[in-house]
Each structure stands twice: as structure tokens, then as C-alpha cells.
Amino acid sequence: MSRKFAFRLQELHALHANLRGVFILMLLLTVALLAYMGVRLWAIPDPVRPVELASLLSFAVACVVLCVGQLQCLRRMRRDTREKIEQMTFADELTGLHNYRYLEQRLGEELQRATRHGYPVSVIYLDCDGFKLVNDTYGHEAGNTVLRRVSQTLRASMRAEDFIGRLGGDEFLAVLPQTDSSGALIAAERLRTRLRALDLTAPGGERMDFVGFSMGVASFPAHATRREELVRAADAAMYRAKKAGGDRVCL
């Protein structure tokens, strides 16, 4: 867990705790004020009591409405906090894609569904060729820009039912439900073509044409039946693509 993530998590928990404390304080104050008004009500003469009773009831209704509003606000904040924590837990900070933790969980769930319903699932393991040269030549900010551009293209190129994430460094993994190896090969080649069409320009204006994309494809259940084995099979196929010269797709 990064320091920034831990700090944001502490902030969200502190905000939720503060709101809960405010609600409890308002509730206690309301009870105390109602008790005080009740004591005053019984201490005044009977002719004036109906007027005081009406005032007390109006005040009580206002307090209840206020407390209910605060309770609803607290519930919304709790839901928003949970969603933000989930987003922070499963999102890659640099690219906005899913991270490895999310991919691991979702891929396991998808393979369970595929086993029950009998359909194939394919994964595409992608590595950016020449990425180290980008960092060494133009700096890490240029490398981060490349990763963001690649991520945007990957996200825009996937189907609604597919999901893709960053494993770390310059490696990405796409999961294609209900897709066999032949369909995944077509999808991977289409991705590679779109990525190669990107205008990747260095800070000085030089085109970084040396950046390529090696991809490995593996399918369930043809190449593996377990999540870890499926990812390893796609990783091995990606390295075969690199050894063959890079910037290509291998099964």
C-alpha cells in the first residue's frame, strides 16, 4: 500500500468518524433540550401550557427532521466513502486502469462463471517494447506519458464486457470473456495496430517510433484451467513474441 493511498484512506475514515460524531452530538443535544423543555412545561401554569406545548412539539419536530437529515447525510457519506476506498483499492494510480488486485479477483470470478456455463475466456498479456529506452533517454515523465496514452487506447478499444488493467511497469493484462484463442488473436492484433498508430512524441518533439508492443494470448480451458496458470501461459507467449523480434502477437 503506497503512502498516498494510506493517507487518503486515513482522511476518508477520519471524515466518516467526524460526521458520526456530529450526528451523535446533535442527537444528545436534542434529547437534552427536549428534557429541559419538558421540565419547563410542567412548571408553568395550566392556562399557558397549551401554547408551550405547541412550541415544544414544533421544536421536537424540527429536531427530528434535522437528525433524520443528518442520518441520511451520514449514510450517503458512508456509501461514498466505501466507493472511494474501493476505487482506490482497485485502480492504478498512474493510468486509471484497474490494478493487479482487481484483475486477479475479477479473472478468478470470470473463470468460475466460465466453468459453470461452459464458455471460453482469453487473456492478452501486453508489454511495451523499448519502454526502458524511453525512461533512460527522455526521463520518467515521458515514460508516464507513454503509459497514459497506451492506457487510453486500450480502454477505448475493448468491448463493454472486457476488462483491462495494468500489472505494473509497462505490462498490461486484458481479459476477454466468451472469447476463444482465435478471437483473442484477432483482438490482440487489432490492439497492436491501434497502439502502433499512436503519435508518441518525446518532450523535444522527436517521434518515439522505436516503441512497440509484444502480446501473448492464452485461453481457458485450451491452455490452462486455473487463473495463475492462464496468466503464466499468456506471459510465456508474450516472451516468445519478444524473442521473435518484438512488436507482434504470439499464442
Foldseek 3Di string as FASTA:
>chain_A
DDPVLVVVLVVLVVVLVVLVVVLVVLVVVLVVVLVVLVVVLVVDDPVCNVVSVVVSVVSNVVSVVVSVVSVVVSVVSVVVSVVVNVQSVQADPLQRAGEPVVVLVVVQVLLVVCVVVVAKKKKKKKAKPCLVVCCVPQNVVLSSVLQNVLSVLVVVLDDPPKGKHAHDDRIIMIMGTRAAQVRVQVSVVVSQVSSLPDQRAGPVGHGPNRIAMFMFMFMPPVQHSDDVRNVVNRVVQSVVCVVVPGRHYGD
